[in-house]
N, C-alpha and C. Protein backbone atom coordinates (compact mmCIF):
# COMPACT_ATOMS: atom_id res chain seq x y z
N MET A 1 142.78 149.56 -2.60
CA MET A 1 143.83 149.94 -1.64
C MET A 1 145.14 149.38 -2.10
N SER A 2 146.14 150.25 -2.12
CA SER A 2 147.45 149.85 -2.52
C SER A 2 148.20 149.07 -1.40
N VAL A 3 149.21 148.36 -1.70
CA VAL A 3 150.00 147.64 -0.71
C VAL A 3 150.54 148.62 0.29
N ALA A 4 151.05 149.77 -0.14
CA ALA A 4 151.62 150.74 0.72
C ALA A 4 150.50 151.25 1.69
N GLN A 5 149.32 151.42 1.28
CA GLN A 5 148.21 151.85 2.11
C GLN A 5 147.87 150.77 3.13
N VAL A 6 147.96 149.47 2.77
CA VAL A 6 147.66 148.39 3.63
C VAL A 6 148.67 148.50 4.77
N PHE A 7 150.03 148.66 4.46
CA PHE A 7 150.96 148.70 5.51
C PHE A 7 150.81 149.99 6.40
N GLU A 8 150.41 151.06 5.89
CA GLU A 8 150.11 152.27 6.66
C GLU A 8 148.95 152.01 7.66
N GLN A 9 147.95 151.28 7.19
CA GLN A 9 146.87 150.90 8.05
C GLN A 9 147.31 149.96 9.14
N LEU A 10 148.23 149.04 8.86
CA LEU A 10 148.69 148.09 9.73
C LEU A 10 149.48 148.88 10.83
N GLU A 11 150.36 149.86 10.41
CA GLU A 11 151.12 150.65 11.28
C GLU A 11 150.20 151.45 12.28
N GLN A 12 149.07 151.94 11.77
CA GLN A 12 148.11 152.71 12.60
C GLN A 12 147.35 151.80 13.60
N ASN A 13 147.26 150.53 13.29
CA ASN A 13 146.50 149.58 14.08
C ASN A 13 147.51 148.89 15.11
N PHE A 14 148.67 149.44 15.23
CA PHE A 14 149.73 148.90 16.13
C PHE A 14 149.26 149.02 17.54
N ASN A 15 149.44 147.84 18.34
CA ASN A 15 149.13 147.79 19.76
C ASN A 15 150.40 147.96 20.56
N ALA A 16 150.78 149.11 20.90
CA ALA A 16 151.96 149.45 21.58
C ALA A 16 152.14 148.70 22.93
N ASP A 17 150.95 148.53 23.64
CA ASP A 17 151.07 147.82 24.89
C ASP A 17 151.53 146.36 24.78
N ALA A 18 151.12 145.73 23.64
CA ALA A 18 151.57 144.36 23.45
C ALA A 18 153.04 144.21 23.08
N ALA A 19 153.64 145.31 22.69
CA ALA A 19 155.03 145.32 22.15
C ALA A 19 156.06 145.76 23.20
N GLN A 20 155.62 146.05 24.41
CA GLN A 20 156.63 146.52 25.39
C GLN A 20 157.72 145.52 25.59
N GLY A 21 158.96 145.95 25.51
CA GLY A 21 160.17 145.13 25.70
C GLY A 21 160.47 144.26 24.49
N LEU A 22 159.81 144.36 23.39
CA LEU A 22 160.11 143.57 22.21
C LEU A 22 161.04 144.37 21.23
N ASP A 23 161.87 143.66 20.60
CA ASP A 23 162.79 144.24 19.57
C ASP A 23 162.77 143.22 18.41
N LEU A 24 161.87 143.52 17.40
CA LEU A 24 161.62 142.57 16.36
C LEU A 24 161.56 143.29 15.00
N VAL A 25 161.80 142.53 13.95
CA VAL A 25 161.57 143.02 12.63
C VAL A 25 160.67 142.06 11.87
N PHE A 26 159.48 142.48 11.41
CA PHE A 26 158.69 141.67 10.59
C PHE A 26 158.89 142.16 9.14
N GLN A 27 159.40 141.24 8.33
CA GLN A 27 159.64 141.62 6.93
C GLN A 27 158.47 140.96 6.08
N PHE A 28 157.97 141.70 5.18
CA PHE A 28 156.93 141.25 4.30
C PHE A 28 157.40 141.29 2.86
N ASP A 29 157.56 140.13 2.24
CA ASP A 29 158.00 140.04 0.81
C ASP A 29 156.73 139.85 0.02
N ILE A 30 156.21 140.91 -0.59
CA ILE A 30 155.02 140.89 -1.37
C ILE A 30 155.44 140.53 -2.81
N GLU A 31 155.10 139.35 -3.23
CA GLU A 31 155.61 138.76 -4.48
C GLU A 31 155.28 139.61 -5.72
N ASP A 32 154.04 140.22 -5.69
CA ASP A 32 153.69 141.03 -6.88
C ASP A 32 153.75 142.49 -6.65
N ASP A 33 154.57 142.89 -5.65
CA ASP A 33 154.70 144.35 -5.38
C ASP A 33 156.06 144.60 -4.88
N SER A 34 156.30 144.83 -3.66
CA SER A 34 157.55 145.24 -3.08
C SER A 34 157.86 144.61 -1.76
N THR A 35 158.92 144.90 -1.15
CA THR A 35 159.23 144.37 0.15
C THR A 35 159.12 145.53 1.20
N TYR A 36 158.59 145.25 2.34
CA TYR A 36 158.42 146.23 3.39
C TYR A 36 158.82 145.53 4.69
N HIS A 37 159.22 146.33 5.69
CA HIS A 37 159.44 145.72 7.03
C HIS A 37 158.94 146.74 8.05
N LEU A 38 158.40 146.05 9.07
CA LEU A 38 157.97 146.76 10.34
C LEU A 38 158.93 146.57 11.44
N ALA A 39 159.62 147.56 11.84
CA ALA A 39 160.60 147.48 12.97
C ALA A 39 159.87 147.76 14.20
N ILE A 40 159.83 146.86 15.18
CA ILE A 40 159.15 147.07 16.48
C ILE A 40 160.26 147.11 17.51
N ASN A 41 160.29 148.18 18.31
CA ASN A 41 161.26 148.32 19.32
C ASN A 41 160.68 148.99 20.56
N ASP A 42 160.47 148.14 21.58
CA ASP A 42 159.98 148.58 22.91
C ASP A 42 158.82 149.46 22.81
N GLY A 43 157.80 148.98 22.17
CA GLY A 43 156.48 149.76 22.16
C GLY A 43 156.28 150.69 20.96
N ALA A 44 157.32 150.81 20.13
CA ALA A 44 157.19 151.71 18.99
C ALA A 44 157.26 150.84 17.71
N CYS A 45 156.59 151.27 16.65
CA CYS A 45 156.58 150.59 15.37
C CYS A 45 156.87 151.58 14.24
N LYS A 46 157.84 151.21 13.37
CA LYS A 46 158.18 152.05 12.27
C LYS A 46 158.07 151.26 10.95
N LEU A 47 157.42 151.77 10.02
CA LEU A 47 157.28 151.16 8.71
C LEU A 47 158.41 151.59 7.81
N HIS A 48 159.05 150.65 7.07
CA HIS A 48 160.13 150.95 6.13
C HIS A 48 159.85 150.21 4.80
N GLU A 49 160.10 150.83 3.72
CA GLU A 49 160.03 150.12 2.44
C GLU A 49 161.43 149.54 2.18
N GLY A 50 161.43 148.31 1.56
CA GLY A 50 162.71 147.69 1.31
C GLY A 50 162.98 146.54 2.29
N THR A 51 164.16 145.96 2.14
CA THR A 51 164.53 144.86 3.02
C THR A 51 165.33 145.24 4.25
N ASN A 52 165.26 144.43 5.23
CA ASN A 52 166.11 144.58 6.37
C ASN A 52 167.24 143.54 6.39
N ASP A 53 168.35 143.93 6.90
CA ASP A 53 169.49 142.97 6.89
C ASP A 53 169.30 141.76 7.71
N ASP A 54 168.49 141.90 8.81
CA ASP A 54 168.49 140.80 9.78
C ASP A 54 167.00 140.73 10.34
N PRO A 55 166.02 140.39 9.47
CA PRO A 55 164.64 140.29 9.98
C PRO A 55 164.41 139.16 10.91
N SER A 56 163.52 139.36 11.87
CA SER A 56 163.22 138.22 12.83
C SER A 56 162.47 137.15 12.21
N VAL A 57 161.49 137.63 11.27
CA VAL A 57 160.70 136.67 10.45
C VAL A 57 160.40 137.40 9.22
N THR A 58 160.34 136.57 8.08
CA THR A 58 159.94 137.12 6.79
C THR A 58 158.71 136.37 6.35
N LEU A 59 157.71 137.16 6.00
CA LEU A 59 156.40 136.55 5.56
C LEU A 59 156.32 136.81 4.05
N ILE A 60 156.06 135.79 3.28
CA ILE A 60 156.11 135.83 1.83
C ILE A 60 154.71 135.54 1.38
N MET A 61 154.08 136.47 0.61
CA MET A 61 152.79 136.23 0.10
C MET A 61 152.49 137.24 -1.06
N ASN A 62 151.32 137.09 -1.68
CA ASN A 62 150.97 138.11 -2.67
C ASN A 62 150.12 139.17 -2.07
N SER A 63 149.85 140.23 -2.92
CA SER A 63 149.19 141.37 -2.31
C SER A 63 147.69 141.06 -1.94
N ASP A 64 147.05 140.13 -2.65
CA ASP A 64 145.64 139.77 -2.32
C ASP A 64 145.60 139.05 -0.92
N THR A 65 146.54 138.21 -0.67
CA THR A 65 146.70 137.50 0.66
C THR A 65 146.91 138.54 1.74
N LEU A 66 147.83 139.38 1.51
CA LEU A 66 148.07 140.49 2.51
C LEU A 66 146.83 141.25 2.82
N LYS A 67 146.12 141.73 1.81
CA LYS A 67 144.91 142.56 2.01
C LYS A 67 143.85 141.74 2.78
N GLY A 68 143.76 140.45 2.42
CA GLY A 68 142.77 139.60 3.14
C GLY A 68 143.04 139.45 4.61
N ILE A 69 144.33 139.26 4.94
CA ILE A 69 144.67 139.03 6.35
C ILE A 69 144.51 140.36 7.10
N VAL A 70 144.95 141.48 6.55
CA VAL A 70 144.81 142.73 7.28
C VAL A 70 143.34 143.17 7.41
N SER A 71 142.51 142.87 6.41
CA SER A 71 141.11 143.20 6.50
C SER A 71 140.39 142.25 7.41
N GLY A 72 140.95 141.11 7.83
CA GLY A 72 140.30 140.11 8.58
C GLY A 72 139.48 139.12 7.80
N GLU A 73 139.41 139.28 6.48
CA GLU A 73 138.66 138.36 5.61
C GLU A 73 139.33 136.96 5.46
N THR A 74 140.67 137.00 5.64
CA THR A 74 141.49 135.79 5.49
C THR A 74 142.19 135.49 6.79
N ASP A 75 142.09 134.21 7.25
CA ASP A 75 142.79 133.82 8.52
C ASP A 75 144.26 133.50 8.08
N GLY A 76 145.19 134.13 8.86
CA GLY A 76 146.55 133.98 8.55
C GLY A 76 146.99 132.44 8.60
N MET A 77 146.51 131.74 9.56
CA MET A 77 146.91 130.34 9.67
C MET A 77 146.31 129.50 8.56
N GLN A 78 145.11 129.82 8.12
CA GLN A 78 144.45 129.10 6.96
C GLN A 78 145.30 129.43 5.68
N ALA A 79 145.70 130.70 5.55
CA ALA A 79 146.45 131.09 4.36
C ALA A 79 147.79 130.35 4.38
N PHE A 80 148.37 130.17 5.54
CA PHE A 80 149.62 129.40 5.68
C PHE A 80 149.50 127.92 5.23
N MET A 81 148.37 127.35 5.84
CA MET A 81 148.10 125.88 5.54
C MET A 81 147.75 125.66 4.11
N ALA A 82 147.17 126.70 3.38
CA ALA A 82 146.86 126.61 1.99
C ALA A 82 148.05 126.91 1.08
N GLY A 83 149.14 127.32 1.64
CA GLY A 83 150.28 127.61 0.83
C GLY A 83 150.33 129.01 0.26
N GLN A 84 149.32 129.85 0.66
CA GLN A 84 149.33 131.25 0.17
C GLN A 84 150.23 132.17 1.02
N LEU A 85 150.72 131.61 2.06
CA LEU A 85 151.62 132.42 2.94
C LEU A 85 152.83 131.49 3.34
N ARG A 86 154.01 132.04 3.20
CA ARG A 86 155.18 131.26 3.68
C ARG A 86 155.96 132.18 4.69
N ALA A 87 156.65 131.48 5.50
CA ALA A 87 157.43 132.22 6.48
C ALA A 87 158.86 131.71 6.60
N GLU A 88 159.76 132.50 6.77
CA GLU A 88 161.17 132.21 6.91
C GLU A 88 161.64 132.90 8.22
N GLY A 89 162.39 132.13 9.01
CA GLY A 89 162.87 132.70 10.29
C GLY A 89 162.03 132.17 11.46
N ASP A 90 161.86 132.92 12.45
CA ASP A 90 161.12 132.53 13.65
C ASP A 90 159.61 132.41 13.42
N MET A 91 159.15 131.22 13.12
CA MET A 91 157.74 130.97 12.74
C MET A 91 156.82 131.42 13.88
N MET A 92 157.22 131.25 15.13
CA MET A 92 156.33 131.58 16.24
C MET A 92 156.03 133.07 16.30
N LEU A 93 157.00 133.88 15.76
CA LEU A 93 156.69 135.34 15.72
C LEU A 93 155.58 135.67 14.81
N ALA A 94 155.40 134.92 13.74
CA ALA A 94 154.27 135.12 12.84
C ALA A 94 152.95 135.07 13.52
N THR A 95 152.82 134.23 14.56
CA THR A 95 151.60 134.06 15.29
C THR A 95 151.32 135.31 16.19
N LYS A 96 152.37 136.05 16.48
CA LYS A 96 152.18 137.29 17.31
C LYS A 96 151.70 138.43 16.57
N LEU A 97 151.60 138.40 15.23
CA LEU A 97 151.11 139.54 14.51
C LEU A 97 149.71 139.95 14.95
N GLY A 98 148.80 138.98 15.21
CA GLY A 98 147.48 139.23 15.61
C GLY A 98 147.36 140.03 16.94
N GLU A 99 148.37 139.83 17.81
CA GLU A 99 148.41 140.48 19.14
C GLU A 99 148.98 141.93 18.90
N LEU A 100 149.95 142.08 18.02
CA LEU A 100 150.64 143.34 17.91
C LEU A 100 149.81 144.34 16.96
N PHE A 101 149.00 143.80 16.11
CA PHE A 101 148.28 144.69 15.17
C PHE A 101 146.81 144.19 15.16
N LYS A 102 145.92 145.14 15.29
CA LYS A 102 144.45 144.89 15.24
C LYS A 102 144.13 144.60 13.75
N MET A 103 143.61 143.39 13.51
CA MET A 103 143.25 143.05 12.12
C MET A 103 141.73 143.15 11.98
N GLY A 104 141.31 143.49 10.78
CA GLY A 104 139.92 143.55 10.46
C GLY A 104 139.11 144.80 10.87
């Protein structure tokens, strides 16, 4: 599965109910691929390739870590503690990913 397909799957697994009233940008800097961002605005989610000028949080990882987290094989917090995942910006938003997107 390509990185682009992983993000398409993530977009399809979006939980609109959990995102009511939110206006956030999750940016994903995939070190061995490309940068993508998911713009969440009041229950809607839109996937974009490339960077955003003002992301709420940027998650930095390689494609294997991304695939593991989205498939549910890798725990995001464990990946963070192991140094496989870094975050810049609002760290608490990173913990909301599991509520906003069904993983696994």
